[in-house]
Amino acid sequence: MGQALPQVGLRPLLPADIPVLAAIFAASIEELTEDDYTEAQREAWASRADDEAAFGKRLSSQLTLVATLKSSPVGFVSLKGADHLDLLYVHPAAARQGVATALCDAIEKLAAARGAKNLTVDASDTAQEFFSRRGYVGERRNTITVGDEWLANTTMKKTLAGAPANDDTPGQPS
């Protein structure tokens, strides 16, 4: 009989989390995206957390949840505005242990509770399949510049549970 995976805990961002979340961000990019992005692209992307003060300001300005295993941070997700999943990163050592799923479940419920009908995400090529399995549908391809590198991603959208499929629902303001 296999050993049970540790339970994923979720909590709000704390200021003391910023250095470890910056490290999770960089490790996730460096190790989990190597099949989809070049070394130069990964280095440019991961460098976005080099300025921990700016990285912390970005996370603090959004609704950010931290995932823990055995009380140690192993991943995070952030909601920008009411309806855009901005960041979702899991440490490679905790990948495929339900961390990203727990973070997405929570942020989707929080977004819906705040009145969002849909949630969008600019998914990396690495994360696209994960979001597709969760019901997100690709809307458009994007190319962004980070330093001297170009990176591709896909804007994906999901209609949240309990939200009408369109805005023409009777009784809803237009």
N, C-alpha and C. Protein backbone atom coordinates (compact mmCIF):
# COMPACT_ATOMS: atom_id res chain seq x y z
N MET A 1 0.85 -1.17 0.00
CA MET A 1 0.00 0.00 0.00
C MET A 1 0.90 1.23 0.00
N GLY A 2 0.56 2.22 -0.85
CA GLY A 2 1.36 3.44 -0.96
C GLY A 2 1.17 4.37 0.22
N GLN A 3 2.14 5.21 0.40
CA GLN A 3 2.09 6.19 1.48
C GLN A 3 1.25 7.38 1.02
N ALA A 4 0.39 7.87 1.90
CA ALA A 4 -0.45 9.02 1.57
C ALA A 4 0.40 10.28 1.44
N LEU A 5 0.03 11.11 0.48
CA LEU A 5 0.71 12.39 0.33
C LEU A 5 0.32 13.30 1.49
N PRO A 6 1.24 14.17 1.92
CA PRO A 6 0.88 15.10 2.99
C PRO A 6 -0.24 16.04 2.53
N GLN A 7 -1.03 16.48 3.48
CA GLN A 7 -2.15 17.38 3.19
C GLN A 7 -1.62 18.77 2.83
N VAL A 8 -2.17 19.33 1.74
CA VAL A 8 -1.81 20.69 1.33
C VAL A 8 -2.58 21.68 2.19
N GLY A 9 -1.85 22.60 2.81
CA GLY A 9 -2.48 23.67 3.57
C GLY A 9 -2.46 24.95 2.75
N LEU A 10 -3.42 25.82 2.98
CA LEU A 10 -3.49 27.11 2.29
C LEU A 10 -3.62 28.22 3.31
N ARG A 11 -2.94 29.32 3.05
CA ARG A 11 -3.03 30.48 3.94
C ARG A 11 -2.73 31.74 3.14
N PRO A 12 -3.06 32.91 3.70
CA PRO A 12 -2.74 34.16 3.02
C PRO A 12 -1.23 34.43 3.01
N LEU A 13 -0.81 35.26 2.09
CA LEU A 13 0.58 35.70 1.99
C LEU A 13 0.98 36.46 3.25
N LEU A 14 2.19 36.18 3.73
CA LEU A 14 2.78 36.94 4.82
C LEU A 14 4.03 37.64 4.27
N PRO A 15 4.38 38.83 4.79
CA PRO A 15 5.57 39.52 4.29
C PRO A 15 6.83 38.64 4.34
N ALA A 16 6.95 37.80 5.34
CA ALA A 16 8.13 36.94 5.48
C ALA A 16 8.21 35.87 4.38
N ASP A 17 7.12 35.67 3.64
CA ASP A 17 7.10 34.65 2.58
C ASP A 17 7.82 35.09 1.32
N ILE A 18 8.01 36.37 1.12
CA ILE A 18 8.51 36.88 -0.17
C ILE A 18 9.80 36.21 -0.63
N PRO A 19 10.85 36.12 0.20
CA PRO A 19 12.08 35.47 -0.30
C PRO A 19 11.87 34.02 -0.74
N VAL A 20 11.11 33.25 0.03
CA VAL A 20 10.91 31.84 -0.33
C VAL A 20 10.01 31.73 -1.57
N LEU A 21 9.03 32.62 -1.72
CA LEU A 21 8.18 32.57 -2.91
C LEU A 21 8.96 32.99 -4.15
N ALA A 22 9.90 33.93 -4.00
CA ALA A 22 10.76 34.30 -5.13
C ALA A 22 11.61 33.09 -5.54
N ALA A 23 12.09 32.34 -4.57
CA ALA A 23 12.88 31.14 -4.86
C ALA A 23 12.03 30.06 -5.52
N ILE A 24 10.79 29.88 -5.07
CA ILE A 24 9.87 28.92 -5.68
C ILE A 24 9.59 29.32 -7.12
N PHE A 25 9.35 30.60 -7.35
CA PHE A 25 9.11 31.14 -8.69
C PHE A 25 10.26 30.76 -9.62
N ALA A 26 11.49 31.07 -9.20
CA ALA A 26 12.66 30.80 -10.04
C ALA A 26 12.89 29.30 -10.25
N ALA A 27 12.79 28.51 -9.20
CA ALA A 27 13.01 27.06 -9.31
C ALA A 27 11.97 26.42 -10.21
N SER A 28 10.73 26.85 -10.08
CA SER A 28 9.65 26.31 -10.92
C SER A 28 9.93 26.57 -12.39
N ILE A 29 10.31 27.79 -12.71
CA ILE A 29 10.61 28.14 -14.10
C ILE A 29 11.82 27.36 -14.60
N GLU A 30 12.88 27.36 -13.82
CA GLU A 30 14.12 26.71 -14.26
C GLU A 30 13.95 25.20 -14.48
N GLU A 31 13.20 24.54 -13.60
CA GLU A 31 13.13 23.08 -13.67
C GLU A 31 11.90 22.52 -14.37
N LEU A 32 10.78 23.20 -14.30
CA LEU A 32 9.54 22.61 -14.83
C LEU A 32 9.21 23.04 -16.26
N THR A 33 9.85 24.09 -16.76
CA THR A 33 9.49 24.59 -18.09
C THR A 33 10.56 24.31 -19.14
N GLU A 34 11.57 23.49 -18.80
CA GLU A 34 12.69 23.31 -19.71
C GLU A 34 12.32 22.63 -21.03
N ASP A 35 11.23 21.89 -21.09
CA ASP A 35 10.81 21.27 -22.35
C ASP A 35 10.15 22.26 -23.30
N ASP A 36 9.71 23.40 -22.77
CA ASP A 36 8.95 24.35 -23.58
C ASP A 36 9.65 25.67 -23.86
N TYR A 37 10.68 26.00 -23.08
CA TYR A 37 11.37 27.28 -23.22
C TYR A 37 12.88 27.06 -23.19
N THR A 38 13.60 27.90 -23.90
CA THR A 38 15.07 27.78 -23.93
C THR A 38 15.66 28.23 -22.60
N GLU A 39 16.93 27.92 -22.41
CA GLU A 39 17.61 28.34 -21.19
C GLU A 39 17.60 29.86 -21.05
N ALA A 40 17.85 30.57 -22.15
CA ALA A 40 17.85 32.04 -22.11
C ALA A 40 16.46 32.58 -21.76
N GLN A 41 15.42 31.97 -22.31
CA GLN A 41 14.05 32.40 -21.99
C GLN A 41 13.75 32.15 -20.51
N ARG A 42 14.13 30.99 -20.01
CA ARG A 42 13.86 30.67 -18.60
C ARG A 42 14.62 31.60 -17.67
N GLU A 43 15.87 31.92 -18.01
CA GLU A 43 16.66 32.83 -17.18
C GLU A 43 16.03 34.22 -17.15
N ALA A 44 15.58 34.72 -18.30
CA ALA A 44 14.95 36.04 -18.36
C ALA A 44 13.66 36.04 -17.54
N TRP A 45 12.87 35.00 -17.69
CA TRP A 45 11.59 34.87 -16.99
C TRP A 45 11.82 34.81 -15.48
N ALA A 46 12.73 33.94 -15.05
CA ALA A 46 13.00 33.78 -13.62
C ALA A 46 13.58 35.06 -13.00
N SER A 47 14.25 35.87 -13.81
CA SER A 47 14.86 37.10 -13.28
C SER A 47 13.81 38.10 -12.80
N ARG A 48 12.56 37.89 -13.14
CA ARG A 48 11.49 38.79 -12.69
C ARG A 48 11.33 38.78 -11.16
N ALA A 49 11.91 37.79 -10.51
CA ALA A 49 11.84 37.74 -9.04
C ALA A 49 13.16 38.16 -8.40
N ASP A 50 14.15 38.57 -9.20
CA ASP A 50 15.44 38.99 -8.64
C ASP A 50 15.31 40.19 -7.71
N ASP A 51 14.43 41.11 -8.07
CA ASP A 51 14.15 42.27 -7.21
C ASP A 51 13.02 41.86 -6.26
N GLU A 52 13.42 41.34 -5.09
CA GLU A 52 12.42 40.81 -4.16
C GLU A 52 11.43 41.87 -3.69
N ALA A 53 11.86 43.12 -3.57
CA ALA A 53 10.94 44.18 -3.15
C ALA A 53 9.84 44.37 -4.19
N ALA A 54 10.21 44.42 -5.45
CA ALA A 54 9.22 44.58 -6.52
C ALA A 54 8.33 43.34 -6.63
N PHE A 55 8.94 42.17 -6.49
CA PHE A 55 8.18 40.92 -6.55
C PHE A 55 7.18 40.88 -5.39
N GLY A 56 7.64 41.25 -4.20
CA GLY A 56 6.76 41.28 -3.03
C GLY A 56 5.64 42.29 -3.19
N LYS A 57 5.94 43.43 -3.78
CA LYS A 57 4.91 44.45 -4.01
C LYS A 57 3.83 43.91 -4.96
N ARG A 58 4.27 43.19 -6.00
CA ARG A 58 3.32 42.60 -6.94
C ARG A 58 2.41 41.62 -6.22
N LEU A 59 2.99 40.72 -5.43
CA LEU A 59 2.18 39.73 -4.71
C LEU A 59 1.27 40.38 -3.67
N SER A 60 1.77 41.40 -2.99
CA SER A 60 0.99 42.07 -1.95
C SER A 60 -0.16 42.89 -2.51
N SER A 61 -0.03 43.31 -3.76
CA SER A 61 -1.09 44.13 -4.37
C SER A 61 -2.24 43.27 -4.90
N GLN A 62 -2.08 41.96 -4.82
CA GLN A 62 -3.09 41.03 -5.31
C GLN A 62 -3.54 40.13 -4.15
N LEU A 63 -4.60 39.36 -4.40
CA LEU A 63 -5.01 38.34 -3.44
C LEU A 63 -4.09 37.16 -3.67
N THR A 64 -3.18 36.91 -2.75
CA THR A 64 -2.20 35.85 -2.91
C THR A 64 -2.36 34.81 -1.81
N LEU A 65 -2.45 33.55 -2.23
CA LEU A 65 -2.53 32.42 -1.31
C LEU A 65 -1.24 31.62 -1.40
N VAL A 66 -0.80 31.11 -0.27
CA VAL A 66 0.41 30.30 -0.19
C VAL A 66 0.01 28.88 0.17
N ALA A 67 0.54 27.92 -0.58
CA ALA A 67 0.31 26.50 -0.28
C ALA A 67 1.48 26.00 0.56
N THR A 68 1.15 25.17 1.55
CA THR A 68 2.19 24.61 2.42
C THR A 68 2.05 23.08 2.47
N LEU A 69 3.18 22.43 2.63
CA LEU A 69 3.23 21.00 2.95
C LEU A 69 4.07 20.92 4.22
N LYS A 70 3.51 20.32 5.25
CA LYS A 70 4.20 20.23 6.55
C LYS A 70 4.66 21.61 7.00
N SER A 71 3.79 22.60 6.85
CA SER A 71 3.99 23.99 7.29
C SER A 71 5.02 24.78 6.48
N SER A 72 5.61 24.19 5.45
CA SER A 72 6.58 24.91 4.63
C SER A 72 5.95 25.34 3.32
N PRO A 73 6.15 26.60 2.91
CA PRO A 73 5.61 27.05 1.63
C PRO A 73 6.18 26.25 0.46
N VAL A 74 5.30 25.80 -0.43
CA VAL A 74 5.72 25.03 -1.60
C VAL A 74 5.11 25.56 -2.90
N GLY A 75 4.24 26.56 -2.80
CA GLY A 75 3.62 27.12 -3.99
C GLY A 75 2.78 28.32 -3.64
N PHE A 76 2.32 29.02 -4.69
CA PHE A 76 1.47 30.19 -4.47
C PHE A 76 0.65 30.48 -5.72
N VAL A 77 -0.43 31.22 -5.50
CA VAL A 77 -1.30 31.67 -6.58
C VAL A 77 -1.72 33.09 -6.25
N SER A 78 -1.90 33.91 -7.30
CA SER A 78 -2.37 35.28 -7.05
C SER A 78 -3.50 35.63 -8.02
N LEU A 79 -4.45 36.38 -7.50
CA LEU A 79 -5.60 36.85 -8.27
C LEU A 79 -5.44 38.35 -8.46
N LYS A 80 -5.36 38.77 -9.72
CA LYS A 80 -5.23 40.19 -10.05
C LYS A 80 -6.61 40.71 -10.41
N GLY A 81 -7.03 41.75 -9.71
CA GLY A 81 -8.38 42.25 -9.93
C GLY A 81 -9.38 41.20 -9.48
N ALA A 82 -10.53 41.20 -10.12
CA ALA A 82 -11.57 40.25 -9.72
C ALA A 82 -11.50 38.94 -10.48
N ASP A 83 -10.82 38.95 -11.65
CA ASP A 83 -11.01 37.80 -12.53
C ASP A 83 -9.81 37.37 -13.37
N HIS A 84 -8.59 37.67 -12.89
CA HIS A 84 -7.41 37.23 -13.64
C HIS A 84 -6.44 36.51 -12.71
N LEU A 85 -6.21 35.23 -12.99
CA LEU A 85 -5.22 34.46 -12.25
C LEU A 85 -3.87 34.88 -12.81
N ASP A 86 -3.10 35.61 -12.01
CA ASP A 86 -1.86 36.21 -12.49
C ASP A 86 -0.67 35.27 -12.37
N LEU A 87 -0.48 34.69 -11.20
CA LEU A 87 0.69 33.84 -10.96
C LEU A 87 0.26 32.53 -10.31
N LEU A 88 0.82 31.42 -10.78
CA LEU A 88 0.62 30.11 -10.16
C LEU A 88 1.93 29.35 -10.32
N TYR A 89 2.62 29.14 -9.21
CA TYR A 89 3.92 28.48 -9.23
C TYR A 89 4.01 27.48 -8.09
N VAL A 90 4.61 26.32 -8.38
CA VAL A 90 4.80 25.26 -7.39
C VAL A 90 6.27 24.84 -7.45
N HIS A 91 6.87 24.64 -6.28
CA HIS A 91 8.26 24.18 -6.24
C HIS A 91 8.35 22.81 -6.92
N PRO A 92 9.39 22.59 -7.72
CA PRO A 92 9.52 21.31 -8.42
C PRO A 92 9.44 20.09 -7.51
N ALA A 93 9.95 20.17 -6.29
CA ALA A 93 9.90 19.03 -5.37
C ALA A 93 8.48 18.71 -4.93
N ALA A 94 7.56 19.66 -5.09
CA ALA A 94 6.16 19.45 -4.70
C ALA A 94 5.24 19.29 -5.90
N ALA A 95 5.81 19.26 -7.10
CA ALA A 95 4.99 19.13 -8.32
C ALA A 95 4.28 17.79 -8.32
N ARG A 96 3.10 17.77 -8.89
CA ARG A 96 2.26 16.58 -9.05
C ARG A 96 1.86 15.95 -7.71
N GLN A 97 1.68 16.82 -6.71
CA GLN A 97 1.21 16.36 -5.40
C GLN A 97 -0.09 17.06 -5.01
N GLY A 98 -0.76 17.68 -5.97
CA GLY A 98 -2.05 18.31 -5.71
C GLY A 98 -1.95 19.75 -5.27
N VAL A 99 -0.75 20.32 -5.25
CA VAL A 99 -0.57 21.70 -4.78
C VAL A 99 -1.23 22.69 -5.73
N ALA A 100 -0.94 22.61 -7.02
CA ALA A 100 -1.52 23.54 -7.99
C ALA A 100 -3.04 23.38 -8.04
N THR A 101 -3.52 22.16 -7.93
CA THR A 101 -4.97 21.91 -7.93
C THR A 101 -5.62 22.58 -6.72
N ALA A 102 -5.03 22.42 -5.54
CA ALA A 102 -5.59 23.05 -4.33
C ALA A 102 -5.59 24.57 -4.45
N LEU A 103 -4.49 25.13 -4.98
CA LEU A 103 -4.41 26.59 -5.15
C LEU A 103 -5.47 27.08 -6.15
N CYS A 104 -5.62 26.38 -7.28
CA CYS A 104 -6.61 26.80 -8.28
C CYS A 104 -8.03 26.65 -7.76
N ASP A 105 -8.31 25.54 -7.08
CA ASP A 105 -9.66 25.36 -6.51
C ASP A 105 -10.01 26.54 -5.61
N ALA A 106 -9.08 26.92 -4.76
CA ALA A 106 -9.33 28.01 -3.80
C ALA A 106 -9.49 29.34 -4.50
N ILE A 107 -8.63 29.67 -5.46
CA ILE A 107 -8.69 30.98 -6.09
C ILE A 107 -9.93 31.08 -6.98
N GLU A 108 -10.34 29.98 -7.60
CA GLU A 108 -11.56 30.00 -8.40
C GLU A 108 -12.78 30.25 -7.51
N LYS A 109 -12.83 29.61 -6.35
CA LYS A 109 -13.95 29.82 -5.42
C LYS A 109 -13.96 31.25 -4.90
N LEU A 110 -12.79 31.78 -4.57
CA LEU A 110 -12.72 33.16 -4.09
C LEU A 110 -13.14 34.16 -5.17
N ALA A 111 -12.69 33.93 -6.39
CA ALA A 111 -13.07 34.82 -7.50
C ALA A 111 -14.59 34.78 -7.71
N ALA A 112 -15.17 33.59 -7.69
CA ALA A 112 -16.62 33.46 -7.86
C ALA A 112 -17.36 34.15 -6.72
N ALA A 113 -16.86 33.99 -5.49
CA ALA A 113 -17.49 34.63 -4.32
C ALA A 113 -17.42 36.14 -4.42
N ARG A 114 -16.42 36.66 -5.12
CA ARG A 114 -16.27 38.10 -5.32
C ARG A 114 -17.05 38.60 -6.53
N GLY A 115 -17.82 37.71 -7.16
CA GLY A 115 -18.68 38.12 -8.26
C GLY A 115 -18.15 37.88 -9.66
N ALA A 116 -16.97 37.27 -9.79
CA ALA A 116 -16.42 37.01 -11.13
C ALA A 116 -17.23 35.91 -11.80
N LYS A 117 -17.59 36.13 -13.06
CA LYS A 117 -18.29 35.11 -13.84
C LYS A 117 -17.29 34.21 -14.56
N ASN A 118 -16.15 34.80 -14.92
CA ASN A 118 -15.10 34.07 -15.64
C ASN A 118 -13.77 34.36 -14.98
N LEU A 119 -12.83 33.47 -15.23
CA LEU A 119 -11.47 33.67 -14.77
C LEU A 119 -10.56 33.48 -15.97
N THR A 120 -9.62 34.41 -16.15
CA THR A 120 -8.65 34.28 -17.23
C THR A 120 -7.27 34.04 -16.65
N VAL A 121 -6.41 33.48 -17.49
CA VAL A 121 -5.03 33.23 -17.12
C VAL A 121 -4.20 33.29 -18.40
N ASP A 122 -3.00 33.84 -18.32
CA ASP A 122 -2.05 33.79 -19.42
C ASP A 122 -1.14 32.60 -19.12
N ALA A 123 -1.51 31.44 -19.65
CA ALA A 123 -0.84 30.18 -19.31
C ALA A 123 0.41 29.97 -20.15
N SER A 124 1.49 29.60 -19.47
CA SER A 124 2.70 29.22 -20.19
C SER A 124 2.40 27.97 -21.01
N ASP A 125 3.26 27.68 -21.98
CA ASP A 125 3.09 26.46 -22.76
C ASP A 125 3.14 25.24 -21.86
N THR A 126 3.90 25.30 -20.79
CA THR A 126 4.02 24.21 -19.83
C THR A 126 2.71 24.01 -19.06
N ALA A 127 2.05 25.09 -18.70
CA ALA A 127 0.84 25.01 -17.85
C ALA A 127 -0.45 24.86 -18.64
N GLN A 128 -0.40 24.99 -19.94
CA GLN A 128 -1.61 24.97 -20.75
C GLN A 128 -2.44 23.70 -20.55
N GLU A 129 -1.81 22.55 -20.53
CA GLU A 129 -2.54 21.30 -20.37
C GLU A 129 -3.23 21.23 -19.00
N PHE A 130 -2.53 21.69 -17.95
CA PHE A 130 -3.12 21.72 -16.61
C PHE A 130 -4.41 22.54 -16.62
N PHE A 131 -4.35 23.74 -17.19
CA PHE A 131 -5.54 24.59 -17.22
C PHE A 131 -6.63 24.02 -18.12
N SER A 132 -6.27 23.40 -19.23
CA SER A 132 -7.26 22.77 -20.10
C SER A 132 -8.04 21.70 -19.35
N ARG A 133 -7.33 20.88 -18.56
CA ARG A 133 -8.01 19.84 -17.78
C ARG A 133 -8.96 20.44 -16.76
N ARG A 134 -8.74 21.68 -16.35
CA ARG A 134 -9.61 22.35 -15.38
C ARG A 134 -10.76 23.09 -16.04
N GLY A 135 -10.88 23.01 -17.37
CA GLY A 135 -11.99 23.64 -18.06
C GLY A 135 -11.69 25.00 -18.67
N TYR A 136 -10.44 25.41 -18.66
CA TYR A 136 -10.06 26.67 -19.30
C TYR A 136 -9.93 26.41 -20.81
N VAL A 137 -10.34 27.40 -21.59
CA VAL A 137 -10.31 27.29 -23.05
C VAL A 137 -9.40 28.38 -23.59
N GLY A 138 -8.52 28.00 -24.51
CA GLY A 138 -7.61 28.96 -25.12
C GLY A 138 -8.36 29.98 -25.94
N GLU A 139 -8.00 31.26 -25.78
CA GLU A 139 -8.63 32.34 -26.54
C GLU A 139 -7.67 32.97 -27.54
N ARG A 140 -6.41 33.15 -27.15
CA ARG A 140 -5.45 33.74 -28.07
C ARG A 140 -4.02 33.46 -27.60
N ARG A 141 -3.12 33.43 -28.58
CA ARG A 141 -1.69 33.29 -28.30
C ARG A 141 -1.10 34.66 -28.10
N ASN A 142 -0.14 34.75 -27.21
CA ASN A 142 0.53 36.01 -26.91
C ASN A 142 2.04 35.82 -26.99
N THR A 143 2.72 36.89 -27.29
CA THR A 143 4.17 36.91 -27.21
C THR A 143 4.54 38.11 -26.36
N ILE A 144 5.32 37.86 -25.32
CA ILE A 144 5.74 38.95 -24.43
C ILE A 144 7.26 39.04 -24.46
N THR A 145 7.76 40.23 -24.19
CA THR A 145 9.20 40.44 -24.13
C THR A 145 9.62 40.53 -22.68
N VAL A 146 10.63 39.76 -22.33
CA VAL A 146 11.22 39.82 -20.99
C VAL A 146 12.72 40.00 -21.22
N GLY A 147 13.22 41.18 -20.90
CA GLY A 147 14.62 41.48 -21.21
C GLY A 147 14.80 41.44 -22.72
N ASP A 148 15.75 40.63 -23.18
CA ASP A 148 16.00 40.48 -24.61
C ASP A 148 15.31 39.25 -25.18
N GLU A 149 14.48 38.59 -24.40
CA GLU A 149 13.86 37.33 -24.83
C GLU A 149 12.37 37.50 -25.11
N TRP A 150 11.89 36.70 -26.06
CA TRP A 150 10.47 36.62 -26.37
C TRP A 150 9.94 35.32 -25.81
N LEU A 151 8.81 35.39 -25.11
CA LEU A 151 8.18 34.19 -24.56
C LEU A 151 6.74 34.14 -25.03
N ALA A 152 6.27 32.94 -25.34
CA ALA A 152 4.89 32.76 -25.77
C ALA A 152 4.06 32.21 -24.62
N ASN A 153 2.78 32.61 -24.59
CA ASN A 153 1.82 32.03 -23.67
C ASN A 153 0.45 32.09 -24.34
N THR A 154 -0.55 31.56 -23.67
CA THR A 154 -1.90 31.53 -24.22
C THR A 154 -2.87 32.08 -23.18
N THR A 155 -3.66 33.07 -23.58
CA THR A 155 -4.73 33.55 -22.70
C THR A 155 -5.84 32.52 -22.75
N MET A 156 -6.22 32.03 -21.57
CA MET A 156 -7.26 31.02 -21.44
C MET A 156 -8.35 31.55 -20.51
N LYS A 157 -9.55 31.06 -20.70
CA LYS A 157 -10.70 31.55 -19.93
C LYS A 157 -11.56 30.39 -19.48
N LYS A 158 -12.08 30.52 -18.26
CA LYS A 158 -12.98 29.51 -17.70
C LYS A 158 -14.22 30.21 -17.14
N THR A 159 -15.39 29.66 -17.45
CA THR A 159 -16.61 30.12 -16.82
C THR A 159 -16.68 29.46 -15.45
N LEU A 160 -16.82 30.27 -14.42
CA LEU A 160 -16.79 29.74 -13.05
C LEU A 160 -18.12 29.08 -12.69
N ALA A 161 -18.06 28.12 -11.80
CA ALA A 161 -19.25 27.40 -11.34
C ALA A 161 -20.27 28.39 -10.79
N GLY A 162 -21.52 28.18 -11.18
CA GLY A 162 -22.58 29.06 -10.70
C GLY A 162 -22.74 30.31 -11.54
N ALA A 163 -21.80 30.55 -12.43
CA ALA A 163 -21.89 31.74 -13.30
C ALA A 163 -22.68 31.37 -14.55
N PRO A 164 -23.50 32.27 -15.05
CA PRO A 164 -24.22 31.99 -16.28
C PRO A 164 -23.24 31.83 -17.44
N ALA A 165 -23.64 31.02 -18.41
CA ALA A 165 -22.77 30.77 -19.56
C ALA A 165 -22.59 32.01 -20.42
N ASN A 166 -23.57 32.92 -20.37
CA ASN A 166 -23.43 34.18 -21.11
C ASN A 166 -24.09 35.29 -20.31
N ASP A 167 -23.99 36.50 -20.79
CA ASP A 167 -24.52 37.65 -20.05
C ASP A 167 -25.97 37.96 -20.40
N ASP A 168 -26.63 37.09 -21.16
CA ASP A 168 -28.02 37.33 -21.56
C ASP A 168 -29.00 36.59 -20.68
N THR A 169 -28.60 36.24 -19.47
CA THR A 169 -29.46 35.54 -18.56
C THR A 169 -30.62 36.43 -18.15
N PRO A 170 -31.88 35.91 -18.22
CA PRO A 170 -33.02 36.74 -17.80
C PRO A 170 -32.84 37.24 -16.37
N GLY A 171 -33.22 38.48 -16.17
CA GLY A 171 -33.14 39.06 -14.83
C GLY A 171 -31.78 39.65 -14.50
N GLN A 172 -30.82 39.49 -15.38
CA GLN A 172 -29.50 40.06 -15.16
C GLN A 172 -29.39 41.38 -15.88
N PRO A 173 -28.80 42.38 -15.25
CA PRO A 173 -28.62 43.66 -15.95
C PRO A 173 -27.69 43.49 -17.15
N SER A 174 -27.97 44.22 -18.20
CA SER A 174 -27.15 44.13 -19.41
C SER A 174 -26.09 45.18 -19.41
